[in-house]
Structure formats: structure tokens, C-alpha cells
Amino acid sequence: MPERVIVLDVWGDYAHFRKIYTTSSPLTYSFPPRTALSGLIGAIVGLDKEDYFRHFLRKDAKIGCKILKPIKKVRIGENLINTKSAIQMHLIKNRNQIRVEFVKDPSYRIYLI
């Protein structure tokens, strides 16, 4: 049994946890993967974006996640724009709309040992 455990409850209106095998997936995991949890905890304690991975290696930190509310997913249309084709952002006319999947009203309990 561990001596100390840090427990955090996190929630929000929407969440998107991108599938790891792509750079712009419209699909989401139902709960945050370890990398997202590490980044969230690192942001809370004030670690630099480039630095937090060293603090939460598997051998150094055990991280768990419990789903507190039933998972609800919604799809919302988002406009993607080609920022390389225009010099000024307000002049971009071409947009590509995709339906992005989000977790609606997510609520999780995070355990850190």
C-alpha cells in the first residue's frame, strides 16, 4: 500500500483526446490516455511543456483514471483552414468542415502515486 496518493477530480463541458496514431483525428478516446494525464498534472503543478514527461515516467509515477459520469459523445462540425496558402488570416476563403467527436460533460478522478 502506498504511503501517499494524490487524488484530483477534473471535469469540463467538452474533452477531446486525439487518437495517438494520427495528427488530426476527428475521433476521441472516452477517457484521457496517460500522456494527457501527465500533461494535465504537469500543467497543474507548473511544469514546463517540454519538461513534464521526465517527471511522470512509468517507473517513477503510477497514474490512474476513474470515470465519474457516464460517457456521452457528440460530434461537432469544425472548419479547417489552410494557413499556408494565405499571407493574412482574414483573407482565407477555403474551408474544409469535418465533424469532430468530443466527450460531453466529462468527469474523471485522477490518482497519482
N, C-alpha and C. Protein backbone atom coordinates (compact mmCIF):
# COMPACT_ATOMS: atom_id res chain seq x y z
N MET A 1 0.84 -1.19 0.00
CA MET A 1 0.00 0.00 0.00
C MET A 1 0.88 1.25 0.00
N PRO A 2 0.64 2.18 -0.92
CA PRO A 2 1.46 3.38 -0.98
C PRO A 2 1.23 4.28 0.23
N GLU A 3 2.29 5.03 0.60
CA GLU A 3 2.19 5.96 1.71
C GLU A 3 1.29 7.14 1.39
N ARG A 4 1.49 7.72 0.20
CA ARG A 4 0.73 8.90 -0.17
C ARG A 4 0.15 8.74 -1.57
N VAL A 5 -1.07 9.19 -1.73
CA VAL A 5 -1.74 9.21 -3.02
C VAL A 5 -2.35 10.59 -3.21
N ILE A 6 -2.13 11.18 -4.36
CA ILE A 6 -2.76 12.46 -4.70
C ILE A 6 -3.98 12.14 -5.56
N VAL A 7 -5.12 12.69 -5.19
CA VAL A 7 -6.36 12.44 -5.90
C VAL A 7 -6.91 13.77 -6.39
N LEU A 8 -7.21 13.85 -7.69
CA LEU A 8 -7.75 15.06 -8.31
C LEU A 8 -9.04 14.72 -9.03
N ASP A 9 -10.05 15.56 -8.90
CA ASP A 9 -11.25 15.44 -9.72
C ASP A 9 -11.18 16.52 -10.78
N VAL A 10 -11.35 16.13 -12.04
CA VAL A 10 -11.35 17.09 -13.15
C VAL A 10 -12.62 16.88 -13.96
N TRP A 11 -13.17 17.97 -14.48
CA TRP A 11 -14.39 17.90 -15.26
C TRP A 11 -14.43 19.09 -16.20
N GLY A 12 -15.35 19.06 -17.13
CA GLY A 12 -15.48 20.16 -18.07
C GLY A 12 -16.71 20.01 -18.92
N ASP A 13 -16.88 20.92 -19.86
CA ASP A 13 -18.01 20.86 -20.78
C ASP A 13 -17.75 19.86 -21.91
N TYR A 14 -16.54 19.92 -22.46
CA TYR A 14 -16.16 19.03 -23.56
C TYR A 14 -14.72 18.59 -23.36
N ALA A 15 -14.38 17.45 -23.95
CA ALA A 15 -12.99 16.97 -23.96
C ALA A 15 -12.75 16.26 -25.28
N HIS A 16 -11.52 16.33 -25.74
CA HIS A 16 -11.12 15.59 -26.94
C HIS A 16 -9.73 15.02 -26.69
N PHE A 17 -9.63 13.71 -26.72
CA PHE A 17 -8.36 13.02 -26.53
C PHE A 17 -8.04 12.31 -27.84
N ARG A 18 -7.24 12.99 -28.66
CA ARG A 18 -6.94 12.54 -30.02
C ARG A 18 -6.33 11.15 -30.04
N LYS A 19 -6.75 10.37 -31.01
CA LYS A 19 -6.16 9.05 -31.21
C LYS A 19 -4.68 9.22 -31.53
N ILE A 20 -3.84 8.39 -30.92
CA ILE A 20 -2.39 8.62 -30.99
C ILE A 20 -1.76 8.32 -32.34
N TYR A 21 -2.44 7.58 -33.19
CA TYR A 21 -1.83 7.15 -34.44
C TYR A 21 -2.03 8.16 -35.58
N THR A 22 -2.53 9.35 -35.29
CA THR A 22 -2.75 10.35 -36.32
C THR A 22 -2.48 11.75 -35.77
N THR A 23 -2.27 12.72 -36.66
CA THR A 23 -2.02 14.09 -36.22
C THR A 23 -3.30 14.91 -36.11
N SER A 24 -4.35 14.50 -36.78
CA SER A 24 -5.60 15.28 -36.72
C SER A 24 -6.81 14.35 -36.81
N SER A 25 -6.97 13.50 -35.82
CA SER A 25 -8.08 12.56 -35.84
C SER A 25 -9.35 13.22 -35.34
N PRO A 26 -10.48 13.00 -36.03
CA PRO A 26 -11.75 13.52 -35.51
C PRO A 26 -12.33 12.62 -34.41
N LEU A 27 -11.70 11.50 -34.13
CA LEU A 27 -12.19 10.58 -33.11
C LEU A 27 -11.48 10.83 -31.79
N THR A 28 -12.15 10.47 -30.68
CA THR A 28 -11.58 10.70 -29.36
C THR A 28 -11.65 9.43 -28.53
N TYR A 29 -10.70 9.30 -27.62
CA TYR A 29 -10.79 8.25 -26.61
C TYR A 29 -11.86 8.67 -25.60
N SER A 30 -12.47 7.71 -24.92
CA SER A 30 -13.51 8.01 -23.94
C SER A 30 -12.93 8.59 -22.65
N PHE A 31 -11.70 8.28 -22.36
CA PHE A 31 -11.04 8.82 -21.16
C PHE A 31 -9.61 9.19 -21.53
N PRO A 32 -8.99 10.07 -20.76
CA PRO A 32 -7.66 10.57 -21.14
C PRO A 32 -6.58 9.50 -21.06
N PRO A 33 -5.74 9.38 -22.09
CA PRO A 33 -4.61 8.46 -22.02
C PRO A 33 -3.54 8.99 -21.07
N ARG A 34 -2.58 8.16 -20.76
CA ARG A 34 -1.53 8.53 -19.80
C ARG A 34 -0.81 9.82 -20.19
N THR A 35 -0.56 10.02 -21.47
CA THR A 35 0.14 11.23 -21.90
C THR A 35 -0.68 12.48 -21.58
N ALA A 36 -2.00 12.42 -21.78
CA ALA A 36 -2.85 13.57 -21.46
C ALA A 36 -2.91 13.80 -19.96
N LEU A 37 -2.97 12.72 -19.19
CA LEU A 37 -2.98 12.86 -17.73
C LEU A 37 -1.66 13.45 -17.23
N SER A 38 -0.55 13.01 -17.80
CA SER A 38 0.76 13.57 -17.42
C SER A 38 0.82 15.06 -17.72
N GLY A 39 0.33 15.45 -18.88
CA GLY A 39 0.33 16.86 -19.26
C GLY A 39 -0.57 17.69 -18.37
N LEU A 40 -1.73 17.15 -18.01
CA LEU A 40 -2.65 17.87 -17.14
C LEU A 40 -2.06 18.07 -15.75
N ILE A 41 -1.50 17.02 -15.19
CA ILE A 41 -0.88 17.12 -13.86
C ILE A 41 0.33 18.06 -13.92
N GLY A 42 1.12 17.95 -14.98
CA GLY A 42 2.27 18.84 -15.14
C GLY A 42 1.85 20.30 -15.22
N ALA A 43 0.76 20.59 -15.91
CA ALA A 43 0.26 21.97 -16.01
C ALA A 43 -0.23 22.47 -14.65
N ILE A 44 -0.88 21.60 -13.89
CA ILE A 44 -1.38 22.00 -12.58
C ILE A 44 -0.24 22.36 -11.64
N VAL A 45 0.83 21.58 -11.66
CA VAL A 45 1.95 21.87 -10.75
C VAL A 45 2.94 22.87 -11.33
N GLY A 46 2.73 23.30 -12.58
CA GLY A 46 3.56 24.36 -13.16
C GLY A 46 4.81 23.90 -13.88
N LEU A 47 4.83 22.65 -14.34
CA LEU A 47 5.99 22.16 -15.08
C LEU A 47 5.95 22.66 -16.52
N ASP A 48 7.10 22.87 -17.10
CA ASP A 48 7.21 23.29 -18.49
C ASP A 48 6.70 22.19 -19.41
N LYS A 49 6.16 22.59 -20.55
CA LYS A 49 5.61 21.64 -21.51
C LYS A 49 6.65 20.62 -21.98
N GLU A 50 7.88 21.04 -22.10
CA GLU A 50 8.94 20.15 -22.55
C GLU A 50 9.53 19.31 -21.42
N ASP A 51 9.18 19.60 -20.18
CA ASP A 51 9.84 19.03 -19.03
C ASP A 51 9.03 17.96 -18.28
N TYR A 52 7.71 18.00 -18.39
CA TYR A 52 6.89 17.16 -17.52
C TYR A 52 7.03 15.66 -17.78
N PHE A 53 7.36 15.25 -18.99
CA PHE A 53 7.49 13.81 -19.28
C PHE A 53 8.55 13.15 -18.41
N ARG A 54 9.62 13.88 -18.11
CA ARG A 54 10.69 13.31 -17.26
C ARG A 54 10.21 13.05 -15.84
N HIS A 55 9.23 13.80 -15.38
CA HIS A 55 8.73 13.65 -14.01
C HIS A 55 7.70 12.53 -13.88
N PHE A 56 7.08 12.12 -14.99
CA PHE A 56 6.00 11.15 -14.92
C PHE A 56 6.30 9.88 -15.73
N LEU A 57 7.54 9.44 -15.71
CA LEU A 57 7.89 8.18 -16.35
C LEU A 57 7.18 7.03 -15.63
N ARG A 58 6.92 5.95 -16.33
CA ARG A 58 6.21 4.81 -15.73
C ARG A 58 6.91 4.27 -14.49
N LYS A 59 8.24 4.29 -14.48
CA LYS A 59 8.97 3.75 -13.33
C LYS A 59 8.91 4.67 -12.12
N ASP A 60 8.62 5.96 -12.35
CA ASP A 60 8.62 6.94 -11.27
C ASP A 60 7.23 7.29 -10.74
N ALA A 61 6.22 7.17 -11.58
CA ALA A 61 4.88 7.62 -11.18
C ALA A 61 3.82 6.65 -11.71
N LYS A 62 2.92 6.29 -10.85
CA LYS A 62 1.76 5.48 -11.25
C LYS A 62 0.57 6.43 -11.35
N ILE A 63 -0.09 6.40 -12.50
CA ILE A 63 -1.21 7.31 -12.74
C ILE A 63 -2.43 6.46 -13.11
N GLY A 64 -3.54 6.74 -12.47
CA GLY A 64 -4.79 6.04 -12.76
C GLY A 64 -5.91 7.03 -13.01
N CYS A 65 -6.96 6.56 -13.67
CA CYS A 65 -8.09 7.41 -14.01
C CYS A 65 -9.37 6.63 -13.81
N LYS A 66 -10.33 7.24 -13.12
CA LYS A 66 -11.65 6.65 -12.91
C LYS A 66 -12.68 7.54 -13.58
N ILE A 67 -13.60 6.94 -14.32
CA ILE A 67 -14.67 7.68 -14.97
C ILE A 67 -15.78 7.91 -13.94
N LEU A 68 -16.14 9.18 -13.69
CA LEU A 68 -17.12 9.50 -12.66
C LEU A 68 -18.54 9.65 -13.20
N LYS A 69 -18.68 10.00 -14.48
CA LYS A 69 -20.00 10.15 -15.10
C LYS A 69 -20.07 9.25 -16.33
N PRO A 70 -21.27 8.81 -16.70
CA PRO A 70 -21.37 8.02 -17.93
C PRO A 70 -20.82 8.80 -19.13
N ILE A 71 -20.18 8.08 -20.04
CA ILE A 71 -19.57 8.70 -21.22
C ILE A 71 -20.65 9.04 -22.23
N LYS A 72 -20.67 10.30 -22.66
CA LYS A 72 -21.56 10.75 -23.73
C LYS A 72 -20.66 11.40 -24.79
N LYS A 73 -20.87 11.03 -26.03
CA LYS A 73 -20.07 11.61 -27.10
C LYS A 73 -20.98 12.36 -28.06
N VAL A 74 -20.47 13.48 -28.56
CA VAL A 74 -21.18 14.29 -29.55
C VAL A 74 -20.21 14.59 -30.69
N ARG A 75 -20.77 14.89 -31.84
CA ARG A 75 -19.94 15.31 -32.98
C ARG A 75 -20.32 16.73 -33.34
N ILE A 76 -19.28 17.56 -33.46
CA ILE A 76 -19.47 18.99 -33.74
C ILE A 76 -18.65 19.33 -34.97
N GLY A 77 -19.25 20.06 -35.89
CA GLY A 77 -18.55 20.49 -37.10
C GLY A 77 -17.52 21.55 -36.79
N GLU A 78 -16.31 21.38 -37.32
CA GLU A 78 -15.24 22.36 -37.18
C GLU A 78 -14.70 22.69 -38.56
N ASN A 79 -14.37 23.96 -38.75
CA ASN A 79 -13.78 24.39 -40.01
C ASN A 79 -12.27 24.28 -39.94
N LEU A 80 -11.69 23.57 -40.88
CA LEU A 80 -10.23 23.52 -41.02
C LEU A 80 -9.86 24.46 -42.15
N ILE A 81 -8.79 25.22 -41.96
CA ILE A 81 -8.34 26.15 -42.99
C ILE A 81 -6.89 25.85 -43.33
N ASN A 82 -6.51 26.19 -44.54
CA ASN A 82 -5.14 26.02 -44.99
C ASN A 82 -4.39 27.32 -44.71
N THR A 83 -3.64 27.34 -43.63
CA THR A 83 -2.95 28.57 -43.23
C THR A 83 -1.71 28.84 -44.07
N LYS A 84 -1.27 27.88 -44.86
CA LYS A 84 -0.07 28.08 -45.68
C LYS A 84 -0.37 28.81 -46.99
N SER A 85 -1.64 28.85 -47.38
CA SER A 85 -1.98 29.42 -48.68
C SER A 85 -2.25 30.93 -48.62
N ALA A 86 -2.46 31.50 -47.44
CA ALA A 86 -2.77 32.93 -47.35
C ALA A 86 -1.75 33.64 -46.45
N ILE A 87 -1.41 34.83 -46.83
CA ILE A 87 -0.48 35.61 -46.03
C ILE A 87 -1.20 36.20 -44.82
N GLN A 88 -2.44 36.64 -45.02
CA GLN A 88 -3.23 37.21 -43.92
C GLN A 88 -4.41 36.28 -43.63
N MET A 89 -4.61 35.99 -42.35
CA MET A 89 -5.63 35.00 -41.96
C MET A 89 -7.04 35.39 -42.39
N HIS A 90 -7.37 36.67 -42.35
CA HIS A 90 -8.74 37.08 -42.69
C HIS A 90 -9.04 36.95 -44.19
N LEU A 91 -8.02 36.70 -44.99
CA LEU A 91 -8.23 36.54 -46.44
C LEU A 91 -8.46 35.08 -46.85
N ILE A 92 -8.37 34.16 -45.92
CA ILE A 92 -8.55 32.74 -46.26
C ILE A 92 -10.02 32.49 -46.56
N LYS A 93 -10.29 31.97 -47.72
CA LYS A 93 -11.67 31.71 -48.15
C LYS A 93 -12.01 30.21 -48.12
N ASN A 94 -11.03 29.36 -48.42
CA ASN A 94 -11.31 27.93 -48.49
C ASN A 94 -11.32 27.32 -47.10
N ARG A 95 -12.41 26.63 -46.81
CA ARG A 95 -12.54 25.95 -45.53
C ARG A 95 -13.02 24.53 -45.79
N ASN A 96 -12.55 23.62 -44.95
CA ASN A 96 -12.96 22.23 -45.06
C ASN A 96 -13.60 21.85 -43.74
N GLN A 97 -14.90 21.57 -43.74
CA GLN A 97 -15.57 21.25 -42.49
C GLN A 97 -15.54 19.75 -42.23
N ILE A 98 -15.13 19.39 -41.01
CA ILE A 98 -15.15 17.99 -40.59
C ILE A 98 -15.93 17.89 -39.29
N ARG A 99 -16.48 16.73 -39.02
CA ARG A 99 -17.21 16.50 -37.78
C ARG A 99 -16.25 15.87 -36.78
N VAL A 100 -16.01 16.58 -35.68
CA VAL A 100 -15.06 16.14 -34.66
C VAL A 100 -15.84 15.57 -33.49
N GLU A 101 -15.39 14.42 -33.00
CA GLU A 101 -16.04 13.77 -31.87
C GLU A 101 -15.48 14.31 -30.56
N PHE A 102 -16.37 14.66 -29.63
CA PHE A 102 -15.98 15.15 -28.30
C PHE A 102 -16.68 14.32 -27.24
N VAL A 103 -16.08 14.24 -26.05
CA VAL A 103 -16.75 13.68 -24.88
C VAL A 103 -17.52 14.85 -24.27
N LYS A 104 -18.82 14.68 -24.05
CA LYS A 104 -19.68 15.74 -23.50
C LYS A 104 -19.77 15.58 -21.99
N ASP A 105 -19.58 16.68 -21.25
CA ASP A 105 -19.64 16.72 -19.78
C ASP A 105 -18.74 15.65 -19.14
N PRO A 106 -17.46 15.61 -19.50
CA PRO A 106 -16.57 14.61 -18.91
C PRO A 106 -16.28 14.90 -17.44
N SER A 107 -16.13 13.84 -16.67
CA SER A 107 -15.77 13.95 -15.25
C SER A 107 -14.92 12.76 -14.88
N TYR A 108 -13.70 13.02 -14.41
CA TYR A 108 -12.75 11.95 -14.10
C TYR A 108 -12.13 12.18 -12.73
N ARG A 109 -11.71 11.10 -12.10
CA ARG A 109 -10.92 11.17 -10.87
C ARG A 109 -9.54 10.60 -11.21
N ILE A 110 -8.51 11.40 -10.97
CA ILE A 110 -7.13 11.03 -11.30
C ILE A 110 -6.40 10.67 -10.01
N TYR A 111 -5.70 9.54 -10.06
CA TYR A 111 -4.89 9.08 -8.92
C TYR A 111 -3.43 9.13 -9.33
N LEU A 112 -2.59 9.71 -8.47
CA LEU A 112 -1.17 9.81 -8.73
C LEU A 112 -0.41 9.27 -7.52
N ILE A 113 0.39 8.24 -7.76
CA ILE A 113 1.20 7.65 -6.68
C ILE A 113 2.67 7.89 -7.01
